[in-house]
Amino acid sequence: MNDNASKVGKKDYRILILLVAGVFICLNSLWVQQFKTKQPTLNVSRLAGLSYKGTLPQEMRPLYFLPFDINQADDFLLQTIPGIGPKLSKRIISLRTDRKGFKSLDELLDVDGVGLKKFSSIKKHCRVS
């Protein structure tokens, strides 16, 4: 009986060693990824400062995940919004032209092909000024 208890203890000990070794290997690989590979960092606060001063061109705003004015957006700029393709961007521009500009973002719901779900994903990428 004592012999069986010692075998179980050895098996548990080996499993513990394997677990500790696995954790060590994972932590080591994370450390190597974080500190050994130098990647350029992006100063987001500086970019946000540029956006409030208005010095960032409309075409550059999607690159920094900033909303752009939908009344000034062309076909290409509208297609940078996820969910808007060439056909939908042409419909948005057509309605905008007919109304001589949007007064609020809610008017996008009048575009054929824009429902509540698509509107909720579009509205965070654009604004009306």
N, C-alpha and C. Protein backbone atom coordinates (compact mmCIF):
# COMPACT_ATOMS: atom_id res chain seq x y z
N MET A 1 0.82 -1.18 0.00
CA MET A 1 0.00 0.00 0.00
C MET A 1 0.87 1.25 0.00
N ASN A 2 1.91 1.21 0.76
CA ASN A 2 2.84 2.32 0.81
C ASN A 2 3.54 2.50 -0.54
N ASP A 3 3.75 1.38 -1.25
CA ASP A 3 4.40 1.41 -2.56
C ASP A 3 3.54 2.15 -3.59
N ASN A 4 2.22 1.93 -3.57
CA ASN A 4 1.31 2.62 -4.49
C ASN A 4 1.26 4.12 -4.22
N ALA A 5 1.28 4.50 -2.99
CA ALA A 5 1.23 5.91 -2.63
C ALA A 5 2.48 6.64 -3.13
N SER A 6 3.62 5.99 -3.09
CA SER A 6 4.83 6.64 -3.56
C SER A 6 4.83 6.79 -5.08
N LYS A 7 4.23 5.84 -5.82
CA LYS A 7 4.15 5.96 -7.28
C LYS A 7 3.24 7.11 -7.68
N VAL A 8 2.13 7.28 -7.00
CA VAL A 8 1.21 8.38 -7.30
C VAL A 8 1.90 9.70 -7.02
N GLY A 9 2.64 9.78 -5.96
CA GLY A 9 3.36 11.00 -5.63
C GLY A 9 4.37 11.36 -6.70
N LYS A 10 5.07 10.39 -7.26
CA LYS A 10 6.05 10.65 -8.32
C LYS A 10 5.37 11.13 -9.59
N LYS A 11 4.23 10.53 -9.93
CA LYS A 11 3.51 10.96 -11.13
C LYS A 11 3.05 12.41 -10.99
N ASP A 12 2.51 12.78 -9.85
CA ASP A 12 2.06 14.15 -9.63
C ASP A 12 3.25 15.11 -9.70
N TYR A 13 4.37 14.71 -9.20
CA TYR A 13 5.56 15.53 -9.22
C TYR A 13 6.03 15.77 -10.65
N ARG A 14 5.97 14.75 -11.50
CA ARG A 14 6.37 14.90 -12.90
C ARG A 14 5.42 15.83 -13.64
N ILE A 15 4.15 15.72 -13.37
CA ILE A 15 3.17 16.60 -14.01
C ILE A 15 3.42 18.05 -13.60
N LEU A 16 3.72 18.26 -12.36
CA LEU A 16 4.01 19.60 -11.86
C LEU A 16 5.24 20.18 -12.57
N ILE A 17 6.26 19.37 -12.74
CA ILE A 17 7.47 19.83 -13.44
C ILE A 17 7.13 20.20 -14.88
N LEU A 18 6.32 19.39 -15.55
CA LEU A 18 5.93 19.70 -16.93
C LEU A 18 5.12 20.99 -17.01
N LEU A 19 4.22 21.20 -16.07
CA LEU A 19 3.44 22.43 -16.07
C LEU A 19 4.31 23.65 -15.84
N VAL A 20 5.23 23.56 -14.90
CA VAL A 20 6.13 24.68 -14.63
C VAL A 20 7.01 24.96 -15.84
N ALA A 21 7.51 23.92 -16.48
CA ALA A 21 8.34 24.09 -17.67
C ALA A 21 7.53 24.74 -18.79
N GLY A 22 6.30 24.32 -18.97
CA GLY A 22 5.44 24.91 -20.00
C GLY A 22 5.17 26.38 -19.76
N VAL A 23 4.89 26.73 -18.52
CA VAL A 23 4.67 28.14 -18.17
C VAL A 23 5.94 28.94 -18.41
N PHE A 24 7.07 28.39 -18.04
CA PHE A 24 8.34 29.08 -18.24
C PHE A 24 8.60 29.33 -19.73
N ILE A 25 8.35 28.33 -20.56
CA ILE A 25 8.56 28.48 -22.00
C ILE A 25 7.63 29.54 -22.58
N CYS A 26 6.36 29.54 -22.15
CA CYS A 26 5.41 30.55 -22.64
C CYS A 26 5.83 31.96 -22.23
N LEU A 27 6.20 32.12 -20.97
CA LEU A 27 6.63 33.44 -20.51
C LEU A 27 7.90 33.90 -21.20
N ASN A 28 8.81 32.97 -21.46
CA ASN A 28 10.04 33.31 -22.15
C ASN A 28 9.74 33.78 -23.58
N SER A 29 8.84 33.09 -24.27
CA SER A 29 8.54 33.50 -25.64
C SER A 29 7.83 34.85 -25.67
N LEU A 30 6.97 35.12 -24.68
CA LEU A 30 6.33 36.44 -24.61
C LEU A 30 7.36 37.53 -24.34
N TRP A 31 8.30 37.24 -23.47
CA TRP A 31 9.34 38.22 -23.16
C TRP A 31 10.18 38.52 -24.40
N VAL A 32 10.52 37.49 -25.15
CA VAL A 32 11.31 37.68 -26.36
C VAL A 32 10.54 38.53 -27.36
N GLN A 33 9.25 38.26 -27.52
CA GLN A 33 8.45 39.04 -28.46
C GLN A 33 8.34 40.49 -28.04
N GLN A 34 8.21 40.73 -26.75
CA GLN A 34 7.99 42.09 -26.28
C GLN A 34 9.26 42.93 -26.26
N PHE A 35 10.36 42.38 -25.82
CA PHE A 35 11.55 43.18 -25.61
C PHE A 35 12.62 43.03 -26.69
N LYS A 36 12.63 41.96 -27.39
CA LYS A 36 13.69 41.75 -28.38
C LYS A 36 13.35 42.37 -29.73
N THR A 37 12.07 42.40 -30.10
CA THR A 37 11.69 42.99 -31.39
C THR A 37 11.25 44.41 -31.14
N LYS A 38 11.99 45.33 -31.69
CA LYS A 38 11.68 46.75 -31.53
C LYS A 38 10.76 47.16 -32.67
N GLN A 39 9.57 47.62 -32.32
CA GLN A 39 8.62 48.09 -33.31
C GLN A 39 8.39 49.57 -33.08
N PRO A 40 8.22 50.32 -34.16
CA PRO A 40 7.98 51.75 -33.97
C PRO A 40 6.64 51.98 -33.28
N THR A 41 6.63 52.91 -32.36
CA THR A 41 5.40 53.22 -31.64
C THR A 41 4.75 54.45 -32.25
N LEU A 42 3.45 54.53 -32.11
CA LEU A 42 2.67 55.63 -32.67
C LEU A 42 2.18 56.49 -31.52
N ASN A 43 2.51 57.76 -31.56
CA ASN A 43 2.10 58.68 -30.51
C ASN A 43 0.68 59.14 -30.80
N VAL A 44 -0.29 58.46 -30.19
CA VAL A 44 -1.70 58.71 -30.48
C VAL A 44 -2.13 60.08 -29.97
N SER A 45 -1.62 60.50 -28.84
CA SER A 45 -2.04 61.79 -28.30
C SER A 45 -1.63 62.93 -29.23
N ARG A 46 -0.50 62.80 -29.89
CA ARG A 46 -0.06 63.82 -30.84
C ARG A 46 -0.99 63.85 -32.04
N LEU A 47 -1.38 62.68 -32.51
CA LEU A 47 -2.30 62.63 -33.65
C LEU A 47 -3.66 63.18 -33.29
N ALA A 48 -4.11 62.91 -32.08
CA ALA A 48 -5.40 63.44 -31.64
C ALA A 48 -5.34 64.97 -31.57
N GLY A 49 -4.19 65.51 -31.16
CA GLY A 49 -4.03 66.96 -31.14
C GLY A 49 -4.11 67.55 -32.53
N LEU A 50 -3.56 66.85 -33.52
CA LEU A 50 -3.66 67.33 -34.89
C LEU A 50 -5.10 67.34 -35.38
N SER A 51 -5.86 66.34 -34.99
CA SER A 51 -7.23 66.24 -35.47
C SER A 51 -8.10 67.37 -34.94
N TYR A 52 -7.87 67.81 -33.73
CA TYR A 52 -8.69 68.88 -33.18
C TYR A 52 -8.35 70.23 -33.78
N LYS A 53 -7.14 70.39 -34.25
CA LYS A 53 -6.76 71.65 -34.88
C LYS A 53 -7.22 71.71 -36.32
N GLY A 54 -7.64 70.59 -36.89
CA GLY A 54 -8.15 70.57 -38.25
C GLY A 54 -7.07 70.55 -39.31
N THR A 55 -5.85 70.21 -38.94
CA THR A 55 -4.77 70.22 -39.92
C THR A 55 -4.65 68.89 -40.67
N LEU A 56 -5.42 67.91 -40.27
CA LEU A 56 -5.37 66.60 -40.91
C LEU A 56 -6.34 66.58 -42.09
N PRO A 57 -5.87 66.31 -43.31
CA PRO A 57 -6.77 66.29 -44.46
C PRO A 57 -7.84 65.21 -44.33
N GLN A 58 -8.98 65.44 -44.97
CA GLN A 58 -10.10 64.49 -44.93
C GLN A 58 -9.66 63.10 -45.35
N GLU A 59 -8.82 62.99 -46.36
CA GLU A 59 -8.41 61.70 -46.89
C GLU A 59 -7.56 60.91 -45.90
N MET A 60 -6.92 61.62 -44.97
CA MET A 60 -6.04 60.97 -43.99
C MET A 60 -6.78 60.53 -42.74
N ARG A 61 -7.96 61.06 -42.48
CA ARG A 61 -8.67 60.78 -41.23
C ARG A 61 -8.96 59.30 -41.02
N PRO A 62 -9.39 58.52 -42.04
CA PRO A 62 -9.63 57.10 -41.78
C PRO A 62 -8.37 56.33 -41.38
N LEU A 63 -7.21 56.80 -41.82
CA LEU A 63 -5.97 56.13 -41.46
C LEU A 63 -5.70 56.20 -39.97
N TYR A 64 -6.21 57.24 -39.32
CA TYR A 64 -6.02 57.41 -37.89
C TYR A 64 -7.30 57.09 -37.11
N PHE A 65 -8.25 56.44 -37.77
CA PHE A 65 -9.51 56.03 -37.18
C PHE A 65 -10.29 57.23 -36.63
N LEU A 66 -10.21 58.34 -37.32
CA LEU A 66 -10.95 59.53 -36.93
C LEU A 66 -12.16 59.69 -37.85
N PRO A 67 -13.28 60.16 -37.33
CA PRO A 67 -14.45 60.35 -38.19
C PRO A 67 -14.23 61.50 -39.17
N PHE A 68 -14.80 61.35 -40.36
CA PHE A 68 -14.67 62.40 -41.37
C PHE A 68 -16.05 62.93 -41.73
N ASP A 69 -16.06 64.13 -42.34
CA ASP A 69 -17.32 64.77 -42.71
C ASP A 69 -17.92 64.06 -43.91
N ILE A 70 -19.12 63.54 -43.73
CA ILE A 70 -19.76 62.77 -44.79
C ILE A 70 -20.22 63.67 -45.94
N ASN A 71 -20.39 64.97 -45.68
CA ASN A 71 -20.78 65.89 -46.75
C ASN A 71 -19.63 66.23 -47.68
N GLN A 72 -18.41 65.99 -47.26
CA GLN A 72 -17.24 66.28 -48.09
C GLN A 72 -16.59 65.02 -48.65
N ALA A 73 -17.06 63.86 -48.23
CA ALA A 73 -16.42 62.59 -48.62
C ALA A 73 -16.74 62.25 -50.06
N ASP A 74 -15.72 61.80 -50.77
CA ASP A 74 -15.94 61.33 -52.14
C ASP A 74 -16.18 59.82 -52.12
N ASP A 75 -16.33 59.26 -53.31
CA ASP A 75 -16.63 57.84 -53.46
C ASP A 75 -15.57 56.96 -52.80
N PHE A 76 -14.32 57.27 -53.02
CA PHE A 76 -13.21 56.47 -52.47
C PHE A 76 -13.19 56.54 -50.95
N LEU A 77 -13.39 57.73 -50.40
CA LEU A 77 -13.34 57.90 -48.95
C LEU A 77 -14.49 57.17 -48.26
N LEU A 78 -15.66 57.17 -48.86
CA LEU A 78 -16.79 56.45 -48.28
C LEU A 78 -16.53 54.95 -48.26
N GLN A 79 -15.81 54.44 -49.24
CA GLN A 79 -15.53 53.01 -49.31
C GLN A 79 -14.50 52.55 -48.28
N THR A 80 -13.88 53.49 -47.57
CA THR A 80 -12.97 53.08 -46.50
C THR A 80 -13.73 52.66 -45.25
N ILE A 81 -15.02 52.97 -45.19
CA ILE A 81 -15.85 52.56 -44.07
C ILE A 81 -16.23 51.10 -44.26
N PRO A 82 -16.00 50.25 -43.25
CA PRO A 82 -16.39 48.84 -43.39
C PRO A 82 -17.89 48.71 -43.62
N GLY A 83 -18.25 47.94 -44.65
CA GLY A 83 -19.65 47.72 -44.98
C GLY A 83 -20.15 48.57 -46.12
N ILE A 84 -19.35 49.54 -46.56
CA ILE A 84 -19.75 50.39 -47.68
C ILE A 84 -18.90 50.01 -48.88
N GLY A 85 -19.58 49.56 -49.92
CA GLY A 85 -18.91 49.21 -51.17
C GLY A 85 -19.17 50.27 -52.22
N PRO A 86 -18.78 49.99 -53.47
CA PRO A 86 -18.95 50.98 -54.54
C PRO A 86 -20.41 51.37 -54.78
N LYS A 87 -21.30 50.40 -54.77
CA LYS A 87 -22.72 50.70 -55.05
C LYS A 87 -23.34 51.55 -53.94
N LEU A 88 -23.09 51.18 -52.71
CA LEU A 88 -23.68 51.92 -51.59
C LEU A 88 -23.08 53.33 -51.50
N SER A 89 -21.81 53.47 -51.78
CA SER A 89 -21.21 54.81 -51.73
C SER A 89 -21.81 55.71 -52.81
N LYS A 90 -22.11 55.16 -53.98
CA LYS A 90 -22.76 55.95 -55.04
C LYS A 90 -24.17 56.36 -54.63
N ARG A 91 -24.89 55.47 -53.93
CA ARG A 91 -26.24 55.81 -53.45
C ARG A 91 -26.19 56.90 -52.39
N ILE A 92 -25.19 56.84 -51.52
CA ILE A 92 -25.04 57.87 -50.48
C ILE A 92 -24.75 59.21 -51.12
N ILE A 93 -23.85 59.23 -52.08
CA ILE A 93 -23.50 60.49 -52.76
C ILE A 93 -24.69 61.03 -53.53
N SER A 94 -25.47 60.15 -54.16
CA SER A 94 -26.64 60.57 -54.91
C SER A 94 -27.68 61.23 -53.99
N LEU A 95 -27.97 60.62 -52.84
CA LEU A 95 -28.92 61.21 -51.90
C LEU A 95 -28.38 62.51 -51.32
N ARG A 96 -27.09 62.54 -51.05
CA ARG A 96 -26.48 63.77 -50.51
C ARG A 96 -26.59 64.91 -51.52
N THR A 97 -26.38 64.59 -52.79
CA THR A 97 -26.49 65.60 -53.84
C THR A 97 -27.93 66.08 -53.98
N ASP A 98 -28.90 65.17 -53.94
CA ASP A 98 -30.31 65.55 -54.05
C ASP A 98 -30.74 66.45 -52.91
N ARG A 99 -30.23 66.19 -51.72
CA ARG A 99 -30.62 66.98 -50.54
C ARG A 99 -29.70 68.17 -50.30
N LYS A 100 -28.72 68.35 -51.15
CA LYS A 100 -27.73 69.43 -51.01
C LYS A 100 -27.01 69.34 -49.67
N GLY A 101 -26.64 68.12 -49.31
CA GLY A 101 -25.89 67.87 -48.08
C GLY A 101 -26.78 67.30 -46.99
N PHE A 102 -26.18 66.52 -46.13
CA PHE A 102 -26.90 65.95 -45.00
C PHE A 102 -26.89 66.92 -43.84
N LYS A 103 -28.02 67.00 -43.16
CA LYS A 103 -28.12 67.85 -41.96
C LYS A 103 -27.77 67.05 -40.70
N SER A 104 -28.04 65.72 -40.73
CA SER A 104 -27.68 64.86 -39.62
C SER A 104 -27.34 63.48 -40.16
N LEU A 105 -26.65 62.69 -39.34
CA LEU A 105 -26.27 61.35 -39.76
C LEU A 105 -27.48 60.43 -39.91
N ASP A 106 -28.58 60.76 -39.23
CA ASP A 106 -29.77 59.92 -39.31
C ASP A 106 -30.35 59.86 -40.72
N GLU A 107 -30.00 60.81 -41.56
CA GLU A 107 -30.48 60.80 -42.94
C GLU A 107 -29.90 59.64 -43.74
N LEU A 108 -28.83 59.05 -43.26
CA LEU A 108 -28.26 57.88 -43.94
C LEU A 108 -29.23 56.70 -43.94
N LEU A 109 -30.16 56.69 -42.99
CA LEU A 109 -31.15 55.62 -42.95
C LEU A 109 -32.09 55.66 -44.16
N ASP A 110 -32.15 56.80 -44.84
CA ASP A 110 -32.98 56.93 -46.04
C ASP A 110 -32.33 56.34 -47.28
N VAL A 111 -31.04 56.01 -47.19
CA VAL A 111 -30.32 55.42 -48.32
C VAL A 111 -30.74 53.97 -48.47
N ASP A 112 -31.06 53.56 -49.69
CA ASP A 112 -31.44 52.18 -49.95
C ASP A 112 -30.24 51.27 -49.66
N GLY A 113 -30.42 50.31 -48.76
CA GLY A 113 -29.34 49.40 -48.39
C GLY A 113 -28.73 49.70 -47.04
N VAL A 114 -29.18 50.76 -46.39
CA VAL A 114 -28.69 51.10 -45.06
C VAL A 114 -29.83 50.87 -44.06
N GLY A 115 -29.67 49.84 -43.25
CA GLY A 115 -30.63 49.57 -42.18
C GLY A 115 -30.05 49.99 -40.85
N LEU A 116 -30.72 49.63 -39.79
CA LEU A 116 -30.25 50.02 -38.45
C LEU A 116 -28.91 49.41 -38.11
N LYS A 117 -28.71 48.16 -38.51
CA LYS A 117 -27.45 47.48 -38.19
C LYS A 117 -26.27 48.12 -38.92
N LYS A 118 -26.45 48.37 -40.22
CA LYS A 118 -25.37 48.98 -40.99
C LYS A 118 -25.15 50.42 -40.54
N PHE A 119 -26.25 51.12 -40.23
CA PHE A 119 -26.13 52.51 -39.78
C PHE A 119 -25.32 52.60 -38.48
N SER A 120 -25.54 51.65 -37.57
CA SER A 120 -24.80 51.71 -36.30
C SER A 120 -23.31 51.49 -36.51
N SER A 121 -22.93 50.72 -37.54
CA SER A 121 -21.50 50.55 -37.81
C SER A 121 -20.92 51.70 -38.62
N ILE A 122 -21.75 52.37 -39.41
CA ILE A 122 -21.28 53.48 -40.24
C ILE A 122 -21.10 54.75 -39.41
N LYS A 123 -22.02 55.03 -38.50
CA LYS A 123 -22.05 56.34 -37.83
C LYS A 123 -20.83 56.64 -36.98
N LYS A 124 -20.10 55.62 -36.55
CA LYS A 124 -18.90 55.90 -35.75
C LYS A 124 -17.70 56.31 -36.61
N HIS A 125 -17.84 56.18 -37.93
CA HIS A 125 -16.74 56.54 -38.83
C HIS A 125 -16.93 57.89 -39.49
N CYS A 126 -18.10 58.50 -39.35
CA CYS A 126 -18.34 59.77 -40.04
C CYS A 126 -19.09 60.74 -39.15
N ARG A 127 -19.13 61.98 -39.59
CA ARG A 127 -19.81 63.03 -38.86
C ARG A 127 -20.40 64.00 -39.87
N VAL A 128 -21.24 64.91 -39.40
CA VAL A 128 -21.82 65.94 -40.26
C VAL A 128 -21.44 67.29 -39.66
N SER A 129 -20.92 68.16 -40.52
CA SER A 129 -20.59 69.50 -40.02
C SER A 129 -21.18 70.56 -40.90
